[in-house]
Amino acid sequence: MSVSVDQYIELYGAMSEQTGSRLAELEALRCAGGLDDAFAPTDYGVNAQRLLLNVDVARSFGCDVPAISAAPAAVVNDIFAASKRLAERLPAGVAFMSLRQAAAEHPEWLAEVAAGGIDDAETRLNDLLWTDGVLLRVEPGVVCEKPLQLVNVFSAPVDLMAVRRLVISLGRGAEAKLLVCDHTQDSERRYLSAELIRVNLADGANLSLDFMEESSALTTRRSTLNASLGADSTLRCTAATLSCGDTRMRINVDINGRGAQAEVNGMVIADAQQHAAFSTSILHHAENTSSSQLFKYVADGQSRCSFTGRIVVDEAARFTDAHQTNRNMLASASATMHAEPTLEIYCDEVQCSHGAATGQLDSNALFYMRQRGIPEEVARRMLMEAFVGDVIDSVHIPSLRERLHHLVERRFSGLGATCADCSLNQTDGCNV
């Protein structure tokens, strides 16, 4: 057993009076093996007693992008904080609430998504240490027209690790859109986010799930999304990393029902010493299913980036249509990119493809633009913005697409992608 696992078992022992006994999770963590280096012994604090820190959530926001009309909530470090008018903005049949509260009032809801997913040390650590999180639950047949927004905020007087959990469950024929934003308010502190997201889509359900990260150089983020798709359900997921410290997101999708579809896209803009990685695993278990993946990276400075993509088509998954594309641009000679696409097919009668390519800015296009009077820095920025444009256009919330185009333009202009106009900065405030 690694030393990093030992320290968390000791931490659990110190927390046990607050958390209760979870012997099964403890034993599973002992057997799960080593943790990522980010979880090695550190001096991160853990908010085991769930103290409400004095945090001004609205201070994280305030840029000039048109506001997204969404029903907002927040996770401040690791504690759920709803806007005061959140309940009024939700239609009947939609629950968007504290996971801790849901576990106490509706334990049967959590059973719907408790099983499945990747069984590894980070997942087991989350099982052991989480004390709160967020539940989004939509009853069968309910269509949630207004997008929902969840803002993860880091702000604390000490270096902090936050164990976060998001559970999403859509009933048969239900529909919802959720935007998850990650922000670091205090760039002088070191933060570690250990996040587990579980998604369960019943037959015919439709979920648009978008992630946007704008965190600091001292923030480490480890996020795992495990999704299960029923028959004729659809998952559309886009993840955008605009700035980060050391971030890694794993996206695992089990396509279990006939006719289900998954669209998983992502983009990264990295520079300086930033490290950004995406890992995807799309498993086709049923007939007539489809999946598409498009990931694009722009790596500048001395940044280190990676993409690992995997498609598996089971013997029973005939007539599968699955495609994966990874394109990367190295904007400096010292940036690095590692790409590893894989495709495993165990049946006939499928249409599948995968591929990756890494290159530099198009010198011919750059020369052409400079010949027409466009300064080199402006031309470089325009080419990089155009490169990631199709990923942004895959977002299914129109106002978010507009916002992302604006933020990417600011990012490449050196102004910073200050994503800060969230609905939490409205007059309704937040219960923090």
Protein backbone atom coordinates (compact mmCIF):
# COMPACT_ATOMS: atom_id res chain seq x y z
CA MET A 1 0.00 0.00 0.00
CA SER A 2 1.34 3.45 -0.95
CA VAL A 3 2.12 6.10 1.63
CA SER A 4 -0.48 8.40 0.04
CA VAL A 5 -3.22 5.83 0.73
CA ASP A 6 -2.03 5.48 4.34
CA GLN A 7 -2.42 9.19 5.03
CA TYR A 8 -6.01 9.20 3.81
CA ILE A 9 -6.90 6.15 5.88
CA GLU A 10 -5.51 7.99 8.90
CA LEU A 11 -7.51 11.07 7.91
CA TYR A 12 -10.66 8.97 7.70
CA GLY A 13 -9.98 7.67 11.18
CA ALA A 14 -9.75 11.23 12.47
CA MET A 15 -12.98 12.13 10.66
CA SER A 16 -14.95 9.02 11.61
CA GLU A 17 -16.88 10.71 14.41
CA GLN A 18 -18.26 13.20 11.91
CA THR A 19 -18.70 10.87 8.94
CA GLY A 20 -19.81 7.62 10.55
CA SER A 21 -18.45 4.18 9.72
CA ARG A 22 -17.77 3.29 6.08
CA LEU A 23 -15.87 0.04 6.47
CA ALA A 24 -16.66 -1.18 2.95
CA GLU A 25 -15.15 1.93 1.33
CA LEU A 26 -12.14 1.79 3.64
CA GLU A 27 -11.36 -1.81 2.68
CA ALA A 28 -11.92 -1.02 -1.01
CA LEU A 29 -9.43 1.85 -0.80
CA ARG A 30 -6.85 -0.46 0.78
CA CYS A 31 -7.23 -2.84 -2.18
CA ALA A 32 -7.46 -0.25 -4.94
CA GLY A 33 -3.74 0.45 -5.25
CA GLY A 34 -1.80 3.69 -5.57
CA LEU A 35 -3.14 7.18 -6.08
CA ASP A 36 -2.11 9.81 -8.58
CA ASP A 37 1.04 11.74 -7.60
CA ALA A 38 -1.15 14.79 -6.96
CA PHE A 39 -2.49 12.98 -3.88
CA ALA A 40 0.95 12.27 -2.42
CA PRO A 41 1.51 13.38 1.20
CA THR A 42 0.92 17.12 1.37
CA ASP A 43 -0.01 19.84 3.79
CA TYR A 44 -3.44 20.44 2.23
CA GLY A 45 -6.16 21.14 4.76
CA VAL A 46 -9.45 19.20 4.68
CA ASN A 47 -12.70 20.73 5.88
CA ALA A 48 -13.70 17.61 7.85
CA GLN A 49 -16.01 19.52 10.21
CA ARG A 50 -17.82 21.29 7.34
CA LEU A 51 -17.04 24.78 8.56
CA LEU A 52 -18.77 27.57 6.64
CA LEU A 53 -15.94 29.83 5.50
CA ASN A 54 -16.52 33.54 4.98
CA VAL A 55 -16.51 33.60 1.17
CA ASP A 56 -17.90 36.33 -1.09
CA VAL A 57 -19.01 34.18 -4.03
CA ALA A 58 -19.92 37.18 -6.19
CA ARG A 59 -16.30 38.44 -6.00
CA SER A 60 -15.31 35.67 -8.42
CA PHE A 61 -17.50 37.17 -11.11
CA GLY A 62 -17.96 40.44 -12.95
CA CYS A 63 -16.70 40.38 -16.54
CA ASP A 64 -18.45 42.01 -19.48
CA VAL A 65 -19.86 38.89 -21.16
CA PRO A 66 -23.69 38.87 -21.50
CA ALA A 67 -25.12 36.92 -18.58
CA ILE A 68 -26.36 33.40 -19.07
CA SER A 69 -29.96 33.09 -17.94
CA ALA A 70 -29.62 30.01 -15.76
CA ALA A 71 -30.77 28.62 -12.44
CA PRO A 72 -27.52 28.86 -10.40
CA ALA A 73 -26.00 27.06 -7.45
CA ALA A 74 -22.46 26.83 -6.10
CA VAL A 75 -20.05 24.53 -4.32
CA VAL A 76 -17.83 26.74 -2.17
CA ASN A 77 -14.72 24.62 -1.63
CA ASP A 78 -16.71 21.46 -0.79
CA ILE A 79 -20.03 22.75 0.60
CA PHE A 80 -23.20 23.23 -1.46
CA ALA A 81 -24.61 26.77 -1.54
CA ALA A 82 -27.88 27.47 -3.35
CA SER A 83 -28.95 30.85 -4.64
CA LYS A 84 -31.81 32.21 -2.58
CA ARG A 85 -34.30 31.95 -5.44
CA LEU A 86 -33.12 28.63 -6.86
CA ALA A 87 -36.26 26.69 -5.89
CA GLU A 88 -38.46 29.29 -7.61
CA ARG A 89 -36.56 28.85 -10.88
CA LEU A 90 -36.94 25.07 -11.06
CA PRO A 91 -39.94 23.45 -12.74
CA ALA A 92 -41.93 20.75 -10.94
CA GLY A 93 -40.14 17.42 -11.09
CA VAL A 94 -36.61 18.89 -10.97
CA ALA A 95 -34.40 18.61 -7.86
CA PHE A 96 -31.13 20.58 -7.80
CA MET A 97 -29.92 20.34 -4.24
CA SER A 98 -27.30 19.38 -1.69
CA LEU A 99 -26.32 15.72 -1.96
CA ARG A 100 -26.08 15.57 1.81
CA GLN A 101 -29.67 16.80 2.10
CA ALA A 102 -30.86 14.41 -0.60
CA ALA A 103 -29.18 11.46 1.14
CA ALA A 104 -31.07 12.30 4.34
CA GLU A 105 -34.47 13.06 2.80
CA HIS A 106 -34.57 10.80 -0.28
CA PRO A 107 -32.02 7.95 0.07
CA GLU A 108 -33.84 5.99 -2.63
CA TRP A 109 -32.80 8.59 -5.19
CA LEU A 110 -29.10 7.89 -4.65
CA ALA A 111 -29.54 4.16 -5.22
CA GLU A 112 -30.26 4.92 -8.89
CA VAL A 113 -26.65 5.98 -9.54
CA ALA A 114 -24.71 4.39 -6.69
CA ALA A 115 -23.40 1.44 -8.73
CA GLY A 116 -21.16 1.28 -11.78
CA GLY A 117 -18.24 3.36 -13.01
CA ILE A 118 -14.50 3.01 -12.77
CA ASP A 119 -13.28 1.22 -9.66
CA ASP A 120 -9.92 2.74 -8.79
CA ALA A 121 -8.16 4.44 -5.89
CA GLU A 122 -9.36 7.96 -6.67
CA THR A 123 -12.98 6.85 -6.93
CA ARG A 124 -12.71 4.92 -3.67
CA LEU A 125 -11.08 7.90 -1.98
CA ASN A 126 -14.04 10.02 -3.02
CA ASP A 127 -16.41 7.35 -1.67
CA LEU A 128 -14.60 7.50 1.65
CA LEU A 129 -14.16 11.24 2.19
CA TRP A 130 -17.07 13.07 0.56
CA THR A 131 -19.31 14.92 3.01
CA ASP A 132 -21.46 16.94 0.60
CA GLY A 133 -22.06 17.40 -3.09
CA VAL A 134 -24.77 18.17 -5.60
CA LEU A 135 -27.74 16.18 -6.88
CA LEU A 136 -29.53 16.98 -10.11
CA ARG A 137 -32.58 14.76 -10.54
CA VAL A 138 -35.23 15.13 -13.25
CA GLU A 139 -38.43 13.08 -13.07
CA PRO A 140 -39.54 10.98 -16.07
CA GLY A 141 -41.00 13.04 -18.89
CA VAL A 142 -39.98 16.41 -17.42
CA VAL A 143 -38.22 18.86 -19.73
CA CYS A 144 -36.11 21.47 -17.91
CA GLU A 145 -36.08 24.30 -20.45
CA LYS A 146 -33.87 26.71 -18.48
CA PRO A 147 -30.20 25.73 -18.25
CA LEU A 148 -28.83 25.00 -14.80
CA GLN A 149 -25.47 26.29 -13.63
CA LEU A 150 -23.13 24.93 -10.98
CA VAL A 151 -20.11 27.03 -9.97
CA ASN A 152 -17.24 25.36 -8.09
CA VAL A 153 -15.36 28.06 -6.18
CA PHE A 154 -12.05 27.71 -4.35
CA SER A 155 -11.42 30.26 -1.59
CA ALA A 156 -9.92 29.47 1.83
CA PRO A 157 -7.46 30.92 4.36
CA VAL A 158 -5.25 27.81 4.05
CA ASP A 159 -4.15 25.42 1.31
CA LEU A 160 -7.12 23.10 0.84
CA MET A 161 -8.25 19.80 -0.69
CA ALA A 162 -11.95 19.65 -1.58
CA VAL A 163 -13.63 16.28 -2.15
CA ARG A 164 -16.51 17.03 -4.50
CA ARG A 165 -19.31 14.88 -5.88
CA LEU A 166 -21.98 15.55 -8.51
CA VAL A 167 -24.80 13.05 -9.12
CA ILE A 168 -27.06 13.49 -12.17
CA SER A 169 -30.10 11.29 -12.78
CA LEU A 170 -32.59 11.79 -15.62
CA GLY A 171 -35.73 9.68 -15.79
CA ARG A 172 -37.29 8.21 -18.92
CA GLY A 173 -37.75 10.90 -21.57
CA ALA A 174 -36.42 13.70 -19.32
CA GLU A 175 -34.27 16.56 -20.62
CA ALA A 176 -31.84 18.99 -18.95
CA LYS A 177 -28.87 21.27 -19.63
CA LEU A 178 -26.16 21.85 -17.02
CA LEU A 179 -23.10 24.11 -17.10
CA VAL A 180 -20.36 23.39 -14.53
CA CYS A 181 -17.78 26.17 -14.01
CA ASP A 182 -14.55 25.84 -12.00
CA HIS A 183 -13.01 29.01 -10.56
CA THR A 184 -10.18 29.78 -8.15
CA GLN A 185 -10.77 32.99 -6.24
CA ASP A 186 -7.46 33.15 -4.37
CA SER A 187 -4.53 32.56 -6.72
CA GLU A 188 -1.99 32.65 -3.86
CA ARG A 189 -3.26 29.43 -2.21
CA ARG A 190 -2.71 25.83 -3.28
CA TYR A 191 -5.89 23.87 -3.94
CA LEU A 192 -6.67 20.27 -4.89
CA SER A 193 -10.08 19.34 -6.30
CA ALA A 194 -10.95 15.62 -6.15
CA GLU A 195 -14.22 15.36 -8.04
CA LEU A 196 -16.44 12.43 -8.98
CA ILE A 197 -19.39 12.90 -11.35
CA ARG A 198 -21.94 10.13 -11.86
CA VAL A 199 -24.54 10.35 -14.64
CA ASN A 200 -27.44 7.99 -15.20
CA LEU A 201 -29.69 8.52 -18.24
CA ALA A 202 -32.83 6.40 -18.45
CA ASP A 203 -34.34 5.39 -21.80
CA GLY A 204 -34.98 8.39 -24.03
CA ALA A 205 -33.36 10.93 -21.68
CA ASN A 206 -31.38 13.86 -23.10
CA LEU A 207 -28.58 15.65 -21.21
CA SER A 208 -26.33 18.51 -22.34
CA LEU A 209 -23.41 18.77 -19.91
CA ASP A 210 -20.79 21.48 -20.35
CA PHE A 211 -17.66 22.15 -18.28
CA MET A 212 -15.61 25.32 -18.21
CA GLU A 213 -12.42 25.66 -16.17
CA GLU A 214 -10.72 28.96 -15.33
CA SER A 215 -8.47 28.21 -12.37
CA SER A 216 -5.11 29.36 -11.06
CA ALA A 217 -1.56 28.11 -11.57
CA LEU A 218 -1.56 26.63 -8.03
CA THR A 219 -4.80 24.68 -8.50
CA THR A 220 -4.71 20.93 -9.12
CA ARG A 221 -7.89 19.35 -10.46
CA ARG A 222 -8.69 15.65 -10.75
CA SER A 223 -12.15 15.01 -12.16
CA THR A 224 -13.77 11.73 -13.21
CA LEU A 225 -17.08 11.49 -15.07
CA ASN A 226 -18.79 8.09 -15.20
CA ALA A 227 -21.92 7.98 -17.37
CA SER A 228 -24.43 5.21 -18.14
CA LEU A 229 -26.78 5.62 -21.11
CA GLY A 230 -30.11 3.80 -21.55
CA ALA A 231 -31.85 3.03 -24.83
CA ASP A 232 -32.37 5.98 -27.19
CA SER A 233 -30.80 8.39 -24.67
CA THR A 234 -28.40 11.17 -25.64
CA LEU A 235 -25.41 12.66 -23.82
CA ARG A 236 -23.78 15.78 -25.24
CA CYS A 237 -20.70 16.84 -23.28
CA THR A 238 -18.22 19.64 -23.99
CA ALA A 239 -15.30 20.49 -21.70
CA ALA A 240 -13.26 23.69 -22.10
CA THR A 241 -10.06 24.38 -20.16
CA LEU A 242 -9.29 28.08 -20.55
CA SER A 243 -6.63 28.31 -17.83
CA CYS A 244 -5.39 25.87 -15.21
CA GLY A 245 -2.53 24.73 -13.06
CA ASP A 246 -2.44 20.93 -13.24
CA THR A 247 -5.73 19.52 -14.47
CA ARG A 248 -6.85 16.06 -15.55
CA MET A 249 -10.34 14.95 -16.51
CA ARG A 250 -11.42 11.38 -17.24
CA ILE A 251 -14.66 10.84 -19.16
CA ASN A 252 -16.02 7.28 -19.14
CA VAL A 253 -19.26 6.51 -20.98
CA ASP A 254 -21.05 3.16 -20.98
CA ILE A 255 -23.54 3.07 -23.87
CA ASN A 256 -25.81 0.32 -22.59
CA GLY A 257 -29.07 0.78 -24.48
CA ARG A 258 -29.97 0.31 -28.15
CA GLY A 259 -30.03 3.55 -30.11
CA ALA A 260 -28.17 5.63 -27.50
CA GLN A 261 -25.83 8.43 -28.58
CA ALA A 262 -22.83 10.14 -26.98
CA GLU A 263 -21.10 13.29 -28.23
CA VAL A 264 -17.98 14.15 -26.21
CA ASN A 265 -15.87 17.16 -27.16
CA GLY A 266 -13.13 19.15 -25.49
CA MET A 267 -10.62 21.97 -25.91
CA VAL A 268 -7.55 23.13 -24.00
CA ILE A 269 -5.67 26.40 -24.10
CA ALA A 270 -2.43 26.02 -22.15
CA ASP A 271 0.68 28.11 -21.70
CA ALA A 272 3.42 28.87 -19.16
CA GLN A 273 3.96 25.76 -16.97
CA GLN A 274 0.37 24.52 -17.20
CA HIS A 275 -0.41 20.82 -17.43
CA ALA A 276 -3.71 19.66 -18.99
CA ALA A 277 -4.89 16.14 -19.80
CA PHE A 278 -8.11 14.54 -20.99
CA SER A 279 -8.76 10.81 -21.02
CA THR A 280 -11.88 9.31 -22.62
CA SER A 281 -13.31 5.81 -22.70
CA ILE A 282 -16.47 5.17 -24.75
CA LEU A 283 -17.80 1.62 -24.43
CA HIS A 284 -20.49 0.42 -26.86
CA HIS A 285 -22.49 -2.46 -25.41
CA ALA A 286 -25.65 -2.37 -27.56
CA GLU A 287 -26.72 -2.32 -31.22
CA ASN A 288 -27.34 0.79 -33.30
CA THR A 289 -25.45 3.12 -30.99
CA SER A 290 -23.24 6.04 -31.96
CA SER A 291 -20.51 8.19 -30.48
CA SER A 292 -18.33 11.05 -31.64
CA GLN A 293 -15.31 12.71 -30.03
CA LEU A 294 -13.49 15.90 -31.01
CA PHE A 295 -10.64 17.23 -28.84
CA LYS A 296 -8.39 20.15 -29.73
CA TYR A 297 -5.41 21.59 -27.85
CA VAL A 298 -3.42 24.79 -28.26
CA ALA A 299 -0.19 24.43 -26.28
CA ASP A 300 2.08 27.43 -25.79
CA GLY A 301 4.97 28.31 -23.48
CA GLN A 302 6.34 25.28 -21.64
CA SER A 303 2.94 23.66 -21.14
CA ARG A 304 2.52 19.88 -21.11
CA CYS A 305 -0.64 18.39 -22.57
CA SER A 306 -1.99 14.93 -23.29
CA PHE A 307 -5.01 13.17 -24.74
CA THR A 308 -5.82 9.50 -24.34
CA GLY A 309 -8.92 8.29 -26.14
CA ARG A 310 -10.44 4.82 -26.23
CA ILE A 311 -13.38 3.33 -28.12
CA VAL A 312 -14.50 -0.24 -27.44
CA VAL A 313 -17.20 -1.99 -29.48
CA ASP A 314 -18.48 -5.19 -27.86
CA GLU A 315 -19.45 -8.35 -29.74
CA ALA A 316 -23.14 -7.52 -29.25
CA ALA A 317 -22.82 -3.91 -30.46
CA ARG A 318 -23.53 -4.38 -34.16
CA PHE A 319 -24.21 -1.36 -36.38
CA THR A 320 -22.16 0.91 -34.14
CA ASP A 321 -21.08 4.28 -35.57
CA ALA A 322 -18.12 5.60 -33.54
CA HIS A 323 -15.55 8.27 -34.42
CA GLN A 324 -12.73 9.99 -32.54
CA THR A 325 -10.62 12.95 -33.65
CA ASN A 326 -7.79 14.70 -31.84
CA ARG A 327 -6.04 17.75 -33.36
CA ASN A 328 -3.29 19.71 -31.60
CA MET A 329 -1.40 22.93 -32.25
CA LEU A 330 2.01 23.61 -30.71
CA ALA A 331 2.36 27.39 -30.54
CA SER A 332 5.90 27.25 -29.11
CA ALA A 333 8.93 25.02 -29.52
CA SER A 334 9.02 24.16 -25.81
CA ALA A 335 5.40 23.00 -25.45
CA THR A 336 4.73 19.24 -25.51
CA MET A 337 1.74 17.13 -26.53
CA HIS A 338 1.15 13.40 -26.10
CA ALA A 339 -1.71 11.76 -28.01
CA GLU A 340 -2.81 8.15 -27.75
CA PRO A 341 -6.03 7.24 -29.59
CA THR A 342 -7.13 3.58 -29.48
CA LEU A 343 -9.94 1.59 -31.08
CA GLU A 344 -11.03 -1.93 -30.12
CA ILE A 345 -13.68 -3.65 -32.26
CA TYR A 346 -15.03 -7.12 -31.46
CA CYS A 347 -17.80 -7.42 -34.05
CA ASP A 348 -18.54 -6.81 -37.73
CA GLU A 349 -20.96 -4.39 -39.38
CA VAL A 350 -19.65 -1.23 -37.74
CA GLN A 351 -18.38 2.16 -38.93
CA CYS A 352 -15.52 3.37 -36.74
CA SER A 353 -12.54 5.68 -37.07
CA HIS A 354 -9.93 7.34 -34.90
CA GLY A 355 -6.89 9.52 -35.36
CA ALA A 356 -4.66 12.23 -33.96
CA ALA A 357 -2.43 14.90 -35.48
CA THR A 358 -0.10 17.46 -33.94
CA GLY A 359 1.44 20.40 -35.78
CA GLN A 360 2.34 24.06 -35.63
CA LEU A 361 0.66 27.21 -36.91
CA ASP A 362 0.11 27.12 -40.68
CA SER A 363 3.09 29.14 -41.95
CA ASN A 364 1.45 29.70 -45.35
CA ALA A 365 -1.72 31.08 -43.79
CA LEU A 366 0.36 33.24 -41.45
CA PHE A 367 2.41 34.59 -44.38
CA TYR A 368 -0.77 35.26 -46.40
CA MET A 369 -2.33 37.26 -43.55
CA ARG A 370 0.83 39.27 -42.89
CA GLN A 371 1.08 40.15 -46.59
CA ARG A 372 -2.35 41.74 -46.26
CA GLY A 373 -1.28 43.99 -43.44
CA ILE A 374 -2.35 41.95 -40.44
CA PRO A 375 0.26 42.15 -37.65
CA GLU A 376 1.86 38.82 -36.82
CA GLU A 377 0.50 38.59 -33.27
CA VAL A 378 -3.02 39.36 -34.48
CA ALA A 379 -2.70 36.80 -37.26
CA ARG A 380 -1.46 34.15 -34.83
CA ARG A 381 -4.38 34.85 -32.51
CA MET A 382 -6.93 34.66 -35.34
CA LEU A 383 -5.56 31.30 -36.51
CA MET A 384 -5.65 29.84 -32.99
CA GLU A 385 -9.20 31.11 -32.40
CA ALA A 386 -10.35 29.56 -35.66
CA PHE A 387 -8.63 26.28 -34.76
CA VAL A 388 -10.81 25.69 -31.69
CA GLY A 389 -13.96 27.23 -33.16
CA ASP A 390 -15.70 23.98 -34.08
CA VAL A 391 -15.38 22.67 -30.51
CA ILE A 392 -17.02 25.83 -29.18
CA ASP A 393 -19.77 25.53 -31.77
CA SER A 394 -20.63 22.07 -30.44
CA VAL A 395 -21.98 23.62 -27.22
CA HIS A 396 -25.77 23.33 -27.14
CA ILE A 397 -26.51 26.44 -25.03
CA PRO A 398 -26.48 29.37 -27.53
CA SER A 399 -25.54 32.03 -24.97
CA LEU A 400 -22.67 29.84 -23.72
CA ARG A 401 -21.32 29.48 -27.27
CA GLU A 402 -21.23 33.27 -27.56
CA ARG A 403 -19.58 33.53 -24.18
CA LEU A 404 -16.89 30.98 -24.99
CA HIS A 405 -15.97 32.69 -28.26
CA HIS A 406 -15.51 35.93 -26.30
CA LEU A 407 -13.49 34.28 -23.54
CA VAL A 408 -11.22 32.47 -26.01
CA GLU A 409 -10.59 35.76 -27.81
CA ARG A 410 -9.62 37.37 -24.49
CA ARG A 411 -7.43 34.39 -23.61
CA PHE A 412 -5.42 34.54 -26.81
CA SER A 413 -5.18 38.35 -26.54
CA GLY A 414 -3.41 37.98 -23.20
CA LEU A 415 -6.26 39.65 -21.31
CA GLY A 416 -7.18 36.52 -19.38
CA ALA A 417 -10.31 34.42 -19.77
CA THR A 418 -12.09 35.99 -16.82
CA CYS A 419 -15.30 34.00 -16.91
CA ALA A 420 -17.12 36.09 -14.37
CA ASP A 421 -20.65 37.07 -15.25
CA CYS A 422 -22.41 34.06 -13.76
CA SER A 423 -25.96 34.39 -12.50
CA LEU A 424 -24.59 34.14 -8.96
CA ASN A 425 -23.54 37.76 -9.38
CA GLN A 426 -27.17 38.81 -9.58
CA THR A 427 -29.18 40.38 -6.77
CA ASP A 428 -30.60 37.09 -5.50
CA GLY A 429 -27.23 36.22 -3.92
CA CYS A 430 -26.15 32.90 -2.51
CA ASN A 431 -26.68 31.11 0.79
CA VAL A 432 -23.04 30.89 1.84
